[in-house]
Amino acid sequence: TSWLPPMVSEGGAVQAIFADSREPRVALAALGAKAGAAAKRLILRTQNGGAFWDDVTANLPGTSAQGVTADVASGTIYAALDTG
């Protein structure tokens, strides 16, 4: 069906999204910086179809994320950043 957008004040537009094909309620979203704001980028996760989004950015550098994917079996998230 449809997703609810992440409701966070720090992030900008969604640059990339990963959805688990076996569990469609689980997804990751890479957000760019909001226009005119500090260079804050976010990696968000939902486990309930977008009703709630958790910030899983941790200590990633403040560069643009161009892609996001995950290894569901191990629980590992991979983010493609401008810095590598």
PDB file of N, CA and C in Angstrom:
ATOM      1  N   THR A   1       0.846  -1.190   0.000  1.00  0.00           N
ATOM      2  CA  THR A   1       0.000   0.000   0.000  1.00  0.00           C
ATOM      3  C   THR A   1       0.877   1.233   0.000  1.00  0.00           C
ATOM      4  N   SER A   2       0.589   2.217   0.810  1.00  0.00           N
ATOM      5  CA  SER A   2       1.387   3.442   0.805  1.00  0.00           C
ATOM      6  C   SER A   2       2.116   3.633   2.131  1.00  0.00           C
ATOM      7  N   TRP A   3       3.204   4.411   2.078  1.00  0.00           N
ATOM      8  CA  TRP A   3       4.030   4.704   3.238  1.00  0.00           C
ATOM      9  C   TRP A   3       3.677   6.077   3.783  1.00  0.00           C
ATOM     10  N   LEU A   4       3.824   6.244   5.085  1.00  0.00           N
ATOM     11  CA  LEU A   4       3.746   7.566   5.692  1.00  0.00           C
ATOM     12  C   LEU A   4       5.142   8.178   5.624  1.00  0.00           C
ATOM     13  N   PRO A   5       5.265   9.462   5.317  1.00  0.00           N
ATOM     14  CA  PRO A   5       6.593  10.066   5.229  1.00  0.00           C
ATOM     15  C   PRO A   5       7.213  10.227   6.615  1.00  0.00           C
ATOM     16  N   PRO A   6       8.553  10.201   6.709  1.00  0.00           N
ATOM     17  CA  PRO A   6       9.200  10.436   7.999  1.00  0.00           C
ATOM     18  C   PRO A   6       8.937  11.857   8.474  1.00  0.00           C
ATOM     19  N   MET A   7       8.589  12.004   9.731  1.00  0.00           N
ATOM     20  CA  MET A   7       8.296  13.319  10.298  1.00  0.00           C
ATOM     21  C   MET A   7       9.453  13.722  11.209  1.00  0.00           C
ATOM     22  N   VAL A   8      10.531  14.214  10.611  1.00  0.00           N
ATOM     23  CA  VAL A   8      11.684  14.679  11.371  1.00  0.00           C
ATOM     24  C   VAL A   8      11.999  16.091  10.937  1.00  0.00           C
ATOM     25  N   SER A   9      12.455  16.907  11.868  1.00  0.00           N
ATOM     26  CA  SER A   9      12.716  18.297  11.532  1.00  0.00           C
ATOM     27  C   SER A   9      14.110  18.523  10.950  1.00  0.00           C
ATOM     28  N   GLU A  10      15.050  17.593  11.181  1.00  0.00           N
ATOM     29  CA  GLU A  10      16.422  17.814  10.752  1.00  0.00           C
ATOM     30  C   GLU A  10      16.676  17.480   9.287  1.00  0.00           C
ATOM     31  N   GLY A  11      16.036  16.485   8.757  1.00  0.00           N
ATOM     32  CA  GLY A  11      16.365  15.995   7.431  1.00  0.00           C
ATOM     33  C   GLY A  11      15.620  16.691   6.317  1.00  0.00           C
ATOM     34  N   GLY A  12      16.172  16.552   5.122  1.00  0.00           N
ATOM     35  CA  GLY A  12      15.552  17.087   3.926  1.00  0.00           C
ATOM     36  C   GLY A  12      14.856  15.986   3.144  1.00  0.00           C
ATOM     37  N   ALA A  13      14.961  16.060   1.830  1.00  0.00           N
ATOM     38  CA  ALA A  13      14.281  15.118   0.946  1.00  0.00           C
ATOM     39  C   ALA A  13      14.902  13.723   1.026  1.00  0.00           C
ATOM     40  N   VAL A  14      14.093  12.711   0.761  1.00  0.00           N
ATOM     41  CA  VAL A  14      14.571  11.337   0.716  1.00  0.00           C
ATOM     42  C   VAL A  14      15.430  11.163  -0.536  1.00  0.00           C
ATOM     43  N   GLN A  15      16.673  10.732  -0.346  1.00  0.00           N
ATOM     44  CA  GLN A  15      17.606  10.511  -1.443  1.00  0.00           C
ATOM     45  C   GLN A  15      17.565   9.065  -1.936  1.00  0.00           C
ATOM     46  N   ALA A  16      17.293   8.136  -1.012  1.00  0.00           N
ATOM     47  CA  ALA A  16      17.261   6.712  -1.356  1.00  0.00           C
ATOM     48  C   ALA A  16      16.411   5.982  -0.328  1.00  0.00           C
ATOM     49  N   ILE A  17      15.847   4.848  -0.739  1.00  0.00           N
ATOM     50  CA  ILE A  17      15.031   4.043   0.161  1.00  0.00           C
ATOM     51  C   ILE A  17      15.307   2.564  -0.095  1.00  0.00           C
ATOM     52  N   PHE A  18      15.301   1.789   0.967  1.00  0.00           N
ATOM     53  CA  PHE A  18      15.437   0.340   0.898  1.00  0.00           C
ATOM     54  C   PHE A  18      14.223  -0.248   1.595  1.00  0.00           C
ATOM     55  N   ALA A  19      13.551  -1.172   0.935  1.00  0.00           N
ATOM     56  CA  ALA A  19      12.422  -1.883   1.542  1.00  0.00           C
ATOM     57  C   ALA A  19      12.716  -3.373   1.515  1.00  0.00           C
ATOM     58  N   ASP A  20      12.450  -4.032   2.617  1.00  0.00           N
ATOM     59  CA  ASP A  20      12.678  -5.467   2.721  1.00  0.00           C
ATOM     60  C   ASP A  20      11.564  -6.196   1.972  1.00  0.00           C
ATOM     61  N   SER A  21      11.935  -6.956   0.946  1.00  0.00           N
ATOM     62  CA  SER A  21      10.931  -7.637   0.120  1.00  0.00           C
ATOM     63  C   SER A  21      10.199  -8.740   0.884  1.00  0.00           C
ATOM     64  N   ARG A  22      10.829  -9.283   1.913  1.00  0.00           N
ATOM     65  CA  ARG A  22      10.180 -10.341   2.698  1.00  0.00           C
ATOM     66  C   ARG A  22       9.326  -9.791   3.830  1.00  0.00           C
ATOM     67  N   GLU A  23       9.597  -8.565   4.256  1.00  0.00           N
ATOM     68  CA  GLU A  23       8.839  -7.926   5.328  1.00  0.00           C
ATOM     69  C   GLU A  23       8.566  -6.485   4.914  1.00  0.00           C
ATOM     70  N   PRO A  24       7.482  -6.239   4.171  1.00  0.00           N
ATOM     71  CA  PRO A  24       7.245  -4.924   3.570  1.00  0.00           C
ATOM     72  C   PRO A  24       7.010  -3.793   4.565  1.00  0.00           C
ATOM     73  N   ARG A  25       6.859  -4.099   5.842  1.00  0.00           N
ATOM     74  CA  ARG A  25       6.693  -3.038   6.846  1.00  0.00           C
ATOM     75  C   ARG A  25       8.036  -2.458   7.280  1.00  0.00           C
ATOM     76  N   VAL A  26       9.143  -3.091   6.859  1.00  0.00           N
ATOM     77  CA  VAL A  26      10.489  -2.663   7.252  1.00  0.00           C
ATOM     78  C   VAL A  26      11.147  -1.922   6.087  1.00  0.00           C
ATOM     79  N   ALA A  27      11.689  -0.724   6.372  1.00  0.00           N
ATOM     80  CA  ALA A  27      12.359   0.065   5.338  1.00  0.00           C
ATOM     81  C   ALA A  27      13.391   0.986   5.961  1.00  0.00           C
ATOM     82  N   LEU A  28      14.324   1.438   5.126  1.00  0.00           N
ATOM     83  CA  LEU A  28      15.324   2.432   5.489  1.00  0.00           C
ATOM     84  C   LEU A  28      15.197   3.589   4.515  1.00  0.00           C
ATOM     85  N   ALA A  29      15.452   4.789   4.988  1.00  0.00           N
ATOM     86  CA  ALA A  29      15.437   5.969   4.127  1.00  0.00           C
ATOM     87  C   ALA A  29      16.662   6.812   4.417  1.00  0.00           C
ATOM     88  N   ALA A  30      17.329   7.271   3.360  1.00  0.00           N
ATOM     89  CA  ALA A  30      18.466   8.182   3.480  1.00  0.00           C
ATOM     90  C   ALA A  30      17.958   9.571   3.125  1.00  0.00           C
ATOM     91  N   LEU A  31      18.055  10.490   4.080  1.00  0.00           N
ATOM     92  CA  LEU A  31      17.599  11.860   3.871  1.00  0.00           C
ATOM     93  C   LEU A  31      18.774  12.789   3.651  1.00  0.00           C
ATOM     94  N   GLY A  32      18.631  13.714   2.709  1.00  0.00           N
ATOM     95  CA  GLY A  32      19.638  14.737   2.478  1.00  0.00           C
ATOM     96  C   GLY A  32      19.437  15.883   3.444  1.00  0.00           C
ATOM     97  N   ALA A  33      20.266  16.902   3.320  1.00  0.00           N
ATOM     98  CA  ALA A  33      20.150  18.074   4.185  1.00  0.00           C
ATOM     99  C   ALA A  33      18.963  18.922   3.748  1.00  0.00           C
ATOM    100  N   LYS A  34      18.315  19.524   4.715  1.00  0.00           N
ATOM    101  CA  LYS A  34      17.219  20.443   4.433  1.00  0.00           C
ATOM    102  C   LYS A  34      17.804  21.726   3.849  1.00  0.00           C
ATOM    103  N   ALA A  35      17.167  22.280   2.830  1.00  0.00           N
ATOM    104  CA  ALA A  35      17.648  23.501   2.182  1.00  0.00           C
ATOM    105  C   ALA A  35      17.819  24.621   3.210  1.00  0.00           C
ATOM    106  N   GLY A  36      18.977  25.257   3.184  1.00  0.00           N
ATOM    107  CA  GLY A  36      19.244  26.378   4.079  1.00  0.00           C
ATOM    108  C   GLY A  36      19.596  25.968   5.496  1.00  0.00           C
ATOM    109  N   ALA A  37      19.736  24.680   5.759  1.00  0.00           N
ATOM    110  CA  ALA A  37      20.032  24.204   7.111  1.00  0.00           C
ATOM    111  C   ALA A  37      21.463  23.689   7.183  1.00  0.00           C
ATOM    112  N   ALA A  38      21.874  23.367   8.381  1.00  0.00           N
ATOM    113  CA  ALA A  38      23.192  22.759   8.571  1.00  0.00           C
ATOM    114  C   ALA A  38      23.244  21.431   7.821  1.00  0.00           C
ATOM    115  N   ALA A  39      24.428  20.932   7.562  1.00  0.00           N
ATOM    116  CA  ALA A  39      24.623  19.730   6.748  1.00  0.00           C
ATOM    117  C   ALA A  39      24.274  18.454   7.508  1.00  0.00           C
ATOM    118  N   LYS A  40      23.082  18.353   8.065  1.00  0.00           N
ATOM    119  CA  LYS A  40      22.653  17.169   8.811  1.00  0.00           C
ATOM    120  C   LYS A  40      21.963  16.208   7.858  1.00  0.00           C
ATOM    121  N   ARG A  41      22.534  15.015   7.730  1.00  0.00           N
ATOM    122  CA  ARG A  41      21.922  13.955   6.934  1.00  0.00           C
ATOM    123  C   ARG A  41      21.470  12.869   7.888  1.00  0.00           C
ATOM    124  N   LEU A  42      20.467  12.145   7.522  1.00  0.00           N
ATOM    125  CA  LEU A  42      19.905  11.129   8.406  1.00  0.00           C
ATOM    126  C   LEU A  42      19.691   9.811   7.677  1.00  0.00           C
ATOM    127  N   ILE A  43      19.867   8.718   8.399  1.00  0.00           N
ATOM    128  CA  ILE A  43      19.425   7.402   7.960  1.00  0.00           C
ATOM    129  C   ILE A  43      18.314   7.010   8.929  1.00  0.00           C
ATOM    130  N   LEU A  44      17.126   6.802   8.404  1.00  0.00           N
ATOM    131  CA  LEU A  44      15.972   6.465   9.229  1.00  0.00           C
ATOM    132  C   LEU A  44      15.516   5.044   8.951  1.00  0.00           C
ATOM    133  N   ARG A  45      14.896   4.421   9.961  1.00  0.00           N
ATOM    134  CA  ARG A  45      14.382   3.056   9.831  1.00  0.00           C
ATOM    135  C   ARG A  45      12.949   3.025  10.344  1.00  0.00           C
ATOM    136  N   THR A  46      12.100   2.302   9.616  1.00  0.00           N
ATOM    137  CA  THR A  46      10.761   2.006  10.112  1.00  0.00           C
ATOM    138  C   THR A  46      10.596   0.499  10.157  1.00  0.00           C
ATOM    139  N   GLN A  47       9.866   0.047  11.156  1.00  0.00           N
ATOM    140  CA  GLN A  47       9.576  -1.376  11.283  1.00  0.00           C
ATOM    141  C   GLN A  47       8.072  -1.620  11.320  1.00  0.00           C
ATOM    142  N   ASN A  48       7.312  -0.547  11.063  1.00  0.00           N
ATOM    143  CA  ASN A  48       5.854  -0.663  11.134  1.00  0.00           C
ATOM    144  C   ASN A  48       5.174   0.071   9.983  1.00  0.00           C
ATOM    145  N   GLY A  49       5.739  -0.049   8.801  1.00  0.00           N
ATOM    146  CA  GLY A  49       5.117   0.527   7.614  1.00  0.00           C
ATOM    147  C   GLY A  49       5.118   2.035   7.555  1.00  0.00           C
ATOM    148  N   GLY A  50       6.009   2.675   8.299  1.00  0.00           N
ATOM    149  CA  GLY A  50       6.119   4.132   8.248  1.00  0.00           C
ATOM    150  C   GLY A  50       5.378   4.858   9.340  1.00  0.00           C
ATOM    151  N   ALA A  51       4.705   4.152  10.247  1.00  0.00           N
ATOM    152  CA  ALA A  51       4.005   4.827  11.341  1.00  0.00           C
ATOM    153  C   ALA A  51       4.996   5.572  12.232  1.00  0.00           C
ATOM    154  N   PHE A  52       6.153   4.966  12.484  1.00  0.00           N
ATOM    155  CA  PHE A  52       7.222   5.601  13.250  1.00  0.00           C
ATOM    156  C   PHE A  52       8.541   5.360  12.540  1.00  0.00           C
ATOM    157  N   TRP A  53       9.396   6.375  12.552  1.00  0.00           N
ATOM    158  CA  TRP A  53      10.724   6.285  11.952  1.00  0.00           C
ATOM    159  C   TRP A  53      11.757   6.540  13.038  1.00  0.00           C
ATOM    160  N   ASP A  54      12.751   5.648  13.158  1.00  0.00           N
ATOM    161  CA  ASP A  54      13.831   5.787  14.123  1.00  0.00           C
ATOM    162  C   ASP A  54      15.080   6.292  13.420  1.00  0.00           C
ATOM    163  N   ASP A  55      15.803   7.207  14.068  1.00  0.00           N
ATOM    164  CA  ASP A  55      17.063   7.712  13.548  1.00  0.00           C
ATOM    165  C   ASP A  55      18.150   6.694  13.871  1.00  0.00           C
ATOM    166  N   VAL A  56      18.736   6.078  12.848  1.00  0.00           N
ATOM    167  CA  VAL A  56      19.826   5.114  13.034  1.00  0.00           C
ATOM    168  C   VAL A  56      21.134   5.648  12.439  1.00  0.00           C
ATOM    169  N   THR A  57      21.244   6.970  12.345  1.00  0.00           N
ATOM    170  CA  THR A  57      22.415   7.617  11.755  1.00  0.00           C
ATOM    171  C   THR A  57      23.687   7.308  12.528  1.00  0.00           C
ATOM    172  N   ALA A  58      23.609   7.258  13.843  1.00  0.00           N
ATOM    173  CA  ALA A  58      24.761   7.011  14.721  1.00  0.00           C
ATOM    174  C   ALA A  58      25.848   8.039  14.442  1.00  0.00           C
ATOM    175  N   ASN A  59      27.062   7.599  14.150  1.00  0.00           N
ATOM    176  CA  ASN A  59      28.196   8.519  13.997  1.00  0.00           C
ATOM    177  C   ASN A  59      28.629   8.693  12.542  1.00  0.00           C
ATOM    178  N   LEU A  60      27.693   8.587  11.605  1.00  0.00           N
ATOM    179  CA  LEU A  60      28.051   8.815  10.199  1.00  0.00           C
ATOM    180  C   LEU A  60      28.462  10.268  10.000  1.00  0.00           C
ATOM    181  N   PRO A  61      29.422  10.515   9.103  1.00  0.00           N
ATOM    182  CA  PRO A  61      29.809  11.904   8.837  1.00  0.00           C
ATOM    183  C   PRO A  61      28.677  12.670   8.172  1.00  0.00           C
ATOM    184  N   GLY A  62      28.693  13.987   8.285  1.00  0.00           N
ATOM    185  CA  GLY A  62      27.627  14.826   7.745  1.00  0.00           C
ATOM    186  C   GLY A  62      27.753  15.093   6.263  1.00  0.00           C
ATOM    187  N   THR A  63      27.877  14.041   5.458  1.00  0.00           N
ATOM    188  CA  THR A  63      27.936  14.185   4.013  1.00  0.00           C
ATOM    189  C   THR A  63      26.692  13.551   3.402  1.00  0.00           C
ATOM    190  N   SER A  64      26.435  13.865   2.156  1.00  0.00           N
ATOM    191  CA  SER A  64      25.229  13.343   1.514  1.00  0.00           C
ATOM    192  C   SER A  64      25.249  11.835   1.378  1.00  0.00           C
ATOM    193  N   ALA A  65      24.108  11.214   1.661  1.00  0.00           N
ATOM    194  CA  ALA A  65      23.914   9.781   1.432  1.00  0.00           C
ATOM    195  C   ALA A  65      23.241   9.629   0.083  1.00  0.00           C
ATOM    196  N   GLN A  66      23.853   8.872  -0.799  1.00  0.00           N
ATOM    197  CA  GLN A  66      23.309   8.666  -2.133  1.00  0.00           C
ATOM    198  C   GLN A  66      22.546   7.359  -2.253  1.00  0.00           C
ATOM    199  N   GLY A  67      22.745   6.463  -1.285  1.00  0.00           N
ATOM    200  CA  GLY A  67      22.072   5.178  -1.325  1.00  0.00           C
ATOM    201  C   GLY A  67      22.070   4.530   0.039  1.00  0.00           C
ATOM    202  N   VAL A  68      21.157   3.584   0.225  1.00  0.00           N
ATOM    203  CA  VAL A  68      21.067   2.836   1.475  1.00  0.00           C
ATOM    204  C   VAL A  68      20.509   1.453   1.163  1.00  0.00           C
ATOM    205  N   THR A  69      21.082   0.439   1.800  1.00  0.00           N
ATOM    206  CA  THR A  69      20.608  -0.930   1.662  1.00  0.00           C
ATOM    207  C   THR A  69      20.930  -1.656   2.960  1.00  0.00           C
ATOM    208  N   ALA A  70      20.508  -2.895   3.065  1.00  0.00           N
ATOM    209  CA  ALA A  70      20.754  -3.649   4.289  1.00  0.00           C
ATOM    210  C   ALA A  70      20.892  -5.128   4.006  1.00  0.00           C
ATOM    211  N   ASP A  71      21.624  -5.800   4.879  1.00  0.00           N
ATOM    212  CA  ASP A  71      21.684  -7.253   4.930  1.00  0.00           C
ATOM    213  C   ASP A  71      20.756  -7.639   6.075  1.00  0.00           C
ATOM    214  N   VAL A  72      19.551  -8.028   5.740  1.00  0.00           N
ATOM    215  CA  VAL A  72      18.523  -8.289   6.742  1.00  0.00           C
ATOM    216  C   VAL A  72      18.932  -9.414   7.682  1.00  0.00           C
ATOM    217  N   ALA A  73      19.584 -10.448   7.165  1.00  0.00           N
ATOM    218  CA  ALA A  73      19.970 -11.593   7.990  1.00  0.00           C
ATOM    219  C   ALA A  73      20.918 -11.192   9.118  1.00  0.00           C
ATOM    220  N   SER A  74      21.862 -10.300   8.840  1.00  0.00           N
ATOM    221  CA  SER A  74      22.831  -9.901   9.861  1.00  0.00           C
ATOM    222  C   SER A  74      22.429  -8.617  10.589  1.00  0.00           C
ATOM    223  N   GLY A  75      21.448  -7.881  10.040  1.00  0.00           N
ATOM    224  CA  GLY A  75      21.038  -6.616  10.646  1.00  0.00           C
ATOM    225  C   GLY A  75      21.980  -5.470  10.328  1.00  0.00           C
ATOM    226  N   THR A  76      22.783  -5.621   9.277  1.00  0.00           N
ATOM    227  CA  THR A  76      23.762  -4.607   8.897  1.00  0.00           C
ATOM    228  C   THR A  76      23.165  -3.635   7.890  1.00  0.00           C
ATOM    229  N   ILE A  77      23.394  -2.344   8.110  1.00  0.00           N
ATOM    230  CA  ILE A  77      22.942  -1.288   7.201  1.00  0.00           C
ATOM    231  C   ILE A  77      24.161  -0.741   6.467  1.00  0.00           C
ATOM    232  N   TYR A  78      24.031  -0.567   5.147  1.00  0.00           N
ATOM    233  CA  TYR A  78      25.082  -0.002   4.326  1.00  0.00           C
ATOM    234  C   TYR A  78      24.580   1.313   3.730  1.00  0.00           C
ATOM    235  N   ALA A  79      25.352   2.389   3.926  1.00  0.00           N
ATOM    236  CA  ALA A  79      24.991   3.686   3.364  1.00  0.00           C
ATOM    237  C   ALA A  79      26.084   4.124   2.415  1.00  0.00           C
ATOM    238  N   ALA A  80      25.708   4.543   1.213  1.00  0.00           N
ATOM    239  CA  ALA A  80      26.650   5.069   0.234  1.00  0.00           C
ATOM    240  C   ALA A  80      26.714   6.586   0.422  1.00  0.00           C
ATOM    241  N   LEU A  81      27.830   7.055   0.958  1.00  0.00           N
ATOM    242  CA  LEU A  81      28.007   8.484   1.242  1.00  0.00           C
ATOM    243  C   LEU A  81      28.931   9.127   0.227  1.00  0.00           C
ATOM    244  N   ASP A  82      28.860  10.444   0.104  1.00  0.00           N
ATOM    245  CA  ASP A  82      29.768  11.165  -0.777  1.00  0.00           C
ATOM    246  C   ASP A  82      31.222  10.933  -0.389  1.00  0.00           C
ATOM    247  N   THR A  83      31.479  10.663   0.894  1.00  0.00           N
ATOM    248  CA  THR A  83      32.846  10.452   1.357  1.00  0.00           C
ATOM    249  C   THR A  83      33.274   8.986   1.301  1.00  0.00           C
ATOM    250  N   GLY A  84      32.422   8.121   0.807  1.00  0.00           N
ATOM    251  CA  GLY A  84      32.753   6.709   0.685  1.00  0.00           C
ATOM    252  C   GLY A  84      31.984   5.825   1.630  1.00  0.00           C
TER     253      GLY A  84
END
